[in-house]
Amino acid sequence: MKILVLNQSDFDRRIRAAVAVILLTFYATTSDQGSTLALGCLMVALVLVFNAVSGNCYIYRTLGINTCPLPDSE
């Protein structure tokens, strides 16, 4: 059983990376970085960065969703 199976399209990965950048910017610019909201944004951003870099989403995997395009058949 493979642990990191590609199950996200490039579009999904770009969206996740963009949302992660927004959340990291919010965390970096907030005055109270110890607040629950700021730490929650940081944790979600880190998960989204992992998803964007690896192309693997465990929630997608659990639900049986795969947004990768099918390879061209020859």
C-alpha atoms as a PDB file:
ATOM      1  CA  MET A   1       0.000   0.000   0.000  1.00  0.00           C
ATOM      2  CA  LYS A   2       1.456   3.324  -1.056  1.00  0.00           C
ATOM      3  CA  ILE A   3       1.386   6.123   1.506  1.00  0.00           C
ATOM      4  CA  LEU A   4       1.684   9.126  -0.834  1.00  0.00           C
ATOM      5  CA  VAL A   5      -0.605   8.517  -3.779  1.00  0.00           C
ATOM      6  CA  LEU A   6      -1.117  11.410  -6.169  1.00  0.00           C
ATOM      7  CA  ASN A   7      -4.828  12.205  -6.005  1.00  0.00           C
ATOM      8  CA  GLN A   8      -4.967  15.949  -6.747  1.00  0.00           C
ATOM      9  CA  SER A   9      -4.944  17.763 -10.043  1.00  0.00           C
ATOM     10  CA  ASP A  10      -2.555  20.652 -10.652  1.00  0.00           C
ATOM     11  CA  PHE A  11      -5.485  23.058 -10.330  1.00  0.00           C
ATOM     12  CA  ASP A  12      -6.318  21.715  -6.843  1.00  0.00           C
ATOM     13  CA  ARG A  13      -2.690  22.000  -5.832  1.00  0.00           C
ATOM     14  CA  ARG A  14      -2.457  25.629  -6.998  1.00  0.00           C
ATOM     15  CA  ILE A  15      -5.639  26.574  -5.136  1.00  0.00           C
ATOM     16  CA  ARG A  16      -4.368  24.949  -1.942  1.00  0.00           C
ATOM     17  CA  ALA A  17      -1.020  26.743  -2.268  1.00  0.00           C
ATOM     18  CA  ALA A  18      -2.753  30.096  -2.793  1.00  0.00           C
ATOM     19  CA  VAL A  19      -5.009  29.624   0.247  1.00  0.00           C
ATOM     20  CA  ALA A  20      -1.972  28.567   2.295  1.00  0.00           C
ATOM     21  CA  VAL A  21      -0.131  31.759   1.320  1.00  0.00           C
ATOM     22  CA  ILE A  22      -3.143  33.850   2.358  1.00  0.00           C
ATOM     23  CA  LEU A  23      -3.396  32.069   5.719  1.00  0.00           C
ATOM     24  CA  LEU A  24       0.355  32.335   6.350  1.00  0.00           C
ATOM     25  CA  THR A  25       0.218  36.047   5.527  1.00  0.00           C
ATOM     26  CA  PHE A  26      -2.631  36.472   8.005  1.00  0.00           C
ATOM     27  CA  TYR A  27      -0.636  34.614  10.659  1.00  0.00           C
ATOM     28  CA  ALA A  28       2.528  36.645   9.998  1.00  0.00           C
ATOM     29  CA  THR A  29       0.741  39.995  10.118  1.00  0.00           C
ATOM     30  CA  THR A  30      -1.535  39.403  13.105  1.00  0.00           C
ATOM     31  CA  SER A  31      -0.555  41.126  16.312  1.00  0.00           C
ATOM     32  CA  ASP A  32      -1.495  38.198  18.577  1.00  0.00           C
ATOM     33  CA  GLN A  33       0.149  35.120  17.056  1.00  0.00           C
ATOM     34  CA  GLY A  34      -0.708  33.064  20.132  1.00  0.00           C
ATOM     35  CA  SER A  35      -4.450  33.407  19.645  1.00  0.00           C
ATOM     36  CA  THR A  36      -6.538  30.387  18.782  1.00  0.00           C
ATOM     37  CA  LEU A  37      -7.566  31.869  15.430  1.00  0.00           C
ATOM     38  CA  ALA A  38      -3.982  32.618  14.402  1.00  0.00           C
ATOM     39  CA  LEU A  39      -2.707  29.191  15.436  1.00  0.00           C
ATOM     40  CA  GLY A  40      -5.638  27.536  13.677  1.00  0.00           C
ATOM     41  CA  CYS A  41      -4.802  29.424  10.474  1.00  0.00           C
ATOM     42  CA  LEU A  42      -1.163  28.362  10.800  1.00  0.00           C
ATOM     43  CA  MET A  43      -2.078  24.689  11.231  1.00  0.00           C
ATOM     44  CA  VAL A  44      -4.472  24.709   8.269  1.00  0.00           C
ATOM     45  CA  ALA A  45      -1.863  26.501   6.152  1.00  0.00           C
ATOM     46  CA  LEU A  46       0.779  23.885   6.979  1.00  0.00           C
ATOM     47  CA  VAL A  47      -1.577  21.050   6.016  1.00  0.00           C
ATOM     48  CA  LEU A  48      -2.430  22.822   2.752  1.00  0.00           C
ATOM     49  CA  VAL A  49       1.268  23.325   1.967  1.00  0.00           C
ATOM     50  CA  PHE A  50       1.868  19.607   2.525  1.00  0.00           C
ATOM     51  CA  ASN A  51      -1.072  18.778   0.235  1.00  0.00           C
ATOM     52  CA  ALA A  52       0.113  21.176  -2.469  1.00  0.00           C
ATOM     53  CA  VAL A  53       3.696  19.916  -2.431  1.00  0.00           C
ATOM     54  CA  SER A  54       2.948  16.189  -2.208  1.00  0.00           C
ATOM     55  CA  GLY A  55      -0.201  16.102  -4.359  1.00  0.00           C
ATOM     56  CA  ASN A  56      -1.764  13.841  -1.755  1.00  0.00           C
ATOM     57  CA  CYS A  57      -4.847  14.614   0.318  1.00  0.00           C
ATOM     58  CA  TYR A  58      -5.817  12.094   2.978  1.00  0.00           C
ATOM     59  CA  ILE A  59      -9.390  13.409   3.102  1.00  0.00           C
ATOM     60  CA  TYR A  60      -9.715  12.805  -0.647  1.00  0.00           C
ATOM     61  CA  ARG A  61      -8.205   9.361  -0.159  1.00  0.00           C
ATOM     62  CA  THR A  62     -10.634   8.486   2.641  1.00  0.00           C
ATOM     63  CA  LEU A  63     -13.617   9.624   0.550  1.00  0.00           C
ATOM     64  CA  GLY A  64     -12.324   7.913  -2.607  1.00  0.00           C
ATOM     65  CA  ILE A  65     -11.945  11.187  -4.536  1.00  0.00           C
ATOM     66  CA  ASN A  66      -9.268  11.531  -7.198  1.00  0.00           C
ATOM     67  CA  THR A  67      -9.033  14.723  -9.250  1.00  0.00           C
ATOM     68  CA  CYS A  68      -5.939  13.697 -11.211  1.00  0.00           C
ATOM     69  CA  PRO A  69      -6.536  13.581 -14.928  1.00  0.00           C
ATOM     70  CA  LEU A  70      -6.559  10.111 -16.450  1.00  0.00           C
ATOM     71  CA  PRO A  71      -3.445   9.289 -18.450  1.00  0.00           C
ATOM     72  CA  ASP A  72      -3.838   9.330 -22.214  1.00  0.00           C
ATOM     73  CA  SER A  73      -4.468   5.847 -23.547  1.00  0.00           C
ATOM     74  CA  GLU A  74      -2.342   4.753 -26.448  1.00  0.00           C
END
